[in-house]
Amino acid sequence: MSSEAEVVLPQIYRHHVFACDTQRPPDHPHGSCGASGAQTLWDRMSKAIEAKGLNDTGFATAGCLGFCNTGPLLVVYPDGVWYRVRTPEDVDEIVNSHLDQGKRVDRLVVVLKRS
């Protein structure tokens, strides 16, 4: 059997985006990305990635990413960049700048800390 140092794992995606779509009631104390309108934003992102032909970008909606009151949230790997997305224009800017050109959208970056 090969040691870990000898195993070469292919990178399937240049970027892999995970976007929270957890839906909680609007009055839930933790909030939720879904209650903040995430589904419409993620539908737009999926369509924009496809329309630009970004076949090297994976996109998946996910359950709770753990920072509920901050959302709607997504994270782009392998960069580890977290974005707070509020508008359809935010989605377009992330797709055009970060996912297509590799340029982080600093105005949308959120620095998260576990409490």
Protein backbone atom coordinates (compact mmCIF):
# COMPACT_ATOMS: atom_id res chain seq x y z
CA MET A 1 0.00 0.00 0.00
CA SER A 2 1.25 3.51 -0.83
CA SER A 3 2.08 6.02 1.84
CA GLU A 4 0.20 9.34 1.96
CA ALA A 5 3.16 11.15 0.42
CA GLU A 6 2.85 9.01 -2.72
CA VAL A 7 -0.87 9.49 -3.27
CA VAL A 8 -1.73 12.21 -5.75
CA LEU A 9 -5.31 13.36 -5.50
CA PRO A 10 -6.71 15.21 -8.48
CA GLN A 11 -8.29 18.61 -7.95
CA ILE A 12 -11.66 18.35 -9.64
CA TYR A 13 -12.66 22.00 -9.26
CA ARG A 14 -10.65 25.20 -9.33
CA HIS A 15 -13.29 26.62 -6.98
CA HIS A 16 -15.97 24.85 -4.99
CA VAL A 17 -18.73 27.03 -3.56
CA PHE A 18 -20.90 25.98 -0.63
CA ALA A 19 -23.91 28.18 0.07
CA CYS A 20 -26.14 27.87 3.12
CA ASP A 21 -29.82 27.30 2.40
CA THR A 22 -30.98 26.44 5.93
CA GLN A 23 -34.54 27.66 6.49
CA ARG A 24 -35.71 28.47 10.00
CA PRO A 25 -38.80 30.43 11.06
CA PRO A 26 -38.30 34.21 10.72
CA ASP A 27 -38.46 34.68 14.52
CA HIS A 28 -35.87 31.98 15.32
CA PRO A 29 -33.18 33.38 17.66
CA HIS A 30 -30.34 32.08 15.46
CA GLY A 31 -31.78 33.43 12.24
CA SER A 32 -31.10 31.59 8.99
CA CYS A 33 -29.81 32.18 5.50
CA GLY A 34 -33.07 30.86 4.07
CA ALA A 35 -35.13 33.36 6.04
CA SER A 36 -32.82 36.07 4.66
CA GLY A 37 -33.67 35.27 1.04
CA ALA A 38 -30.82 32.91 0.21
CA GLN A 39 -32.72 30.65 -2.21
CA THR A 40 -33.24 33.39 -4.82
CA LEU A 41 -29.55 34.37 -4.59
CA TRP A 42 -28.32 30.78 -4.92
CA ASP A 43 -30.61 30.13 -7.90
CA ARG A 44 -29.03 33.16 -9.57
CA MET A 45 -25.52 31.97 -8.71
CA SER A 46 -26.12 28.51 -10.14
CA LYS A 47 -27.45 29.99 -13.38
CA ALA A 48 -24.61 32.56 -13.60
CA ILE A 49 -21.93 29.89 -13.16
CA GLU A 50 -23.54 27.81 -15.90
CA ALA A 51 -24.06 30.81 -18.21
CA LYS A 52 -20.37 31.77 -17.95
CA GLY A 53 -19.34 28.19 -18.71
CA LEU A 54 -17.36 27.86 -15.48
CA ASN A 55 -17.07 24.08 -15.69
CA ASP A 56 -14.17 24.17 -13.25
CA THR A 57 -16.42 25.60 -10.52
CA GLY A 58 -18.56 23.38 -8.33
CA PHE A 59 -21.61 24.85 -6.64
CA ALA A 60 -23.64 23.20 -3.91
CA THR A 61 -26.21 24.41 -1.45
CA ALA A 62 -25.57 23.15 2.04
CA GLY A 63 -27.12 23.00 5.44
CA CYS A 64 -26.11 25.39 8.18
CA LEU A 65 -22.56 26.73 7.86
CA GLY A 66 -22.61 27.79 11.51
CA PHE A 67 -22.90 31.59 11.42
CA CYS A 68 -26.65 31.99 11.13
CA ASN A 69 -27.11 35.66 11.98
CA THR A 70 -24.51 36.68 9.38
CA GLY A 71 -26.17 35.27 6.28
CA PRO A 72 -26.90 34.70 3.55
CA LEU A 73 -23.45 33.15 3.55
CA LEU A 74 -21.31 31.18 1.16
CA VAL A 75 -17.74 29.96 1.25
CA VAL A 76 -15.39 29.46 -1.71
CA TYR A 77 -12.80 26.68 -1.45
CA PRO A 78 -9.91 26.03 -1.70
CA ASP A 79 -9.48 29.76 -0.96
CA GLY A 80 -11.48 29.62 2.28
CA VAL A 81 -13.12 32.96 1.49
CA TRP A 82 -16.47 33.62 3.19
CA TYR A 83 -18.92 36.04 1.58
CA ARG A 84 -22.05 37.70 2.93
CA VAL A 85 -24.34 38.03 -0.08
CA ARG A 86 -27.26 40.45 0.03
CA THR A 87 -28.23 41.28 -3.54
CA PRO A 88 -28.33 39.74 -7.01
CA GLU A 89 -25.56 42.19 -7.96
CA ASP A 90 -23.39 40.72 -5.17
CA VAL A 91 -23.84 37.29 -6.76
CA ASP A 92 -22.85 38.61 -10.18
CA GLU A 93 -19.75 40.30 -8.75
CA ILE A 94 -18.59 37.12 -6.98
CA VAL A 95 -19.11 35.03 -10.12
CA ASN A 96 -17.43 37.54 -12.44
CA SER A 97 -14.57 38.55 -10.18
CA HIS A 98 -13.70 35.65 -7.86
CA LEU A 99 -14.91 32.59 -9.73
CA ASP A 100 -14.05 33.72 -13.25
CA GLN A 101 -11.03 36.01 -12.76
CA GLY A 102 -9.68 34.77 -9.42
CA LYS A 103 -10.02 38.22 -7.79
CA ARG A 104 -11.53 38.25 -4.29
CA VAL A 105 -14.44 40.68 -3.76
CA ASP A 106 -13.18 42.37 -0.60
CA ARG A 107 -16.31 44.45 0.05
CA LEU A 108 -18.33 41.24 0.49
CA VAL A 109 -15.79 39.26 2.52
CA VAL A 110 -16.77 38.47 6.07
CA VAL A 111 -14.22 37.41 8.66
CA LEU A 112 -15.88 34.91 10.98
CA LYS A 113 -14.82 33.82 14.43
CA ARG A 114 -16.10 30.93 16.46
CA SER A 115 -17.27 31.99 19.88
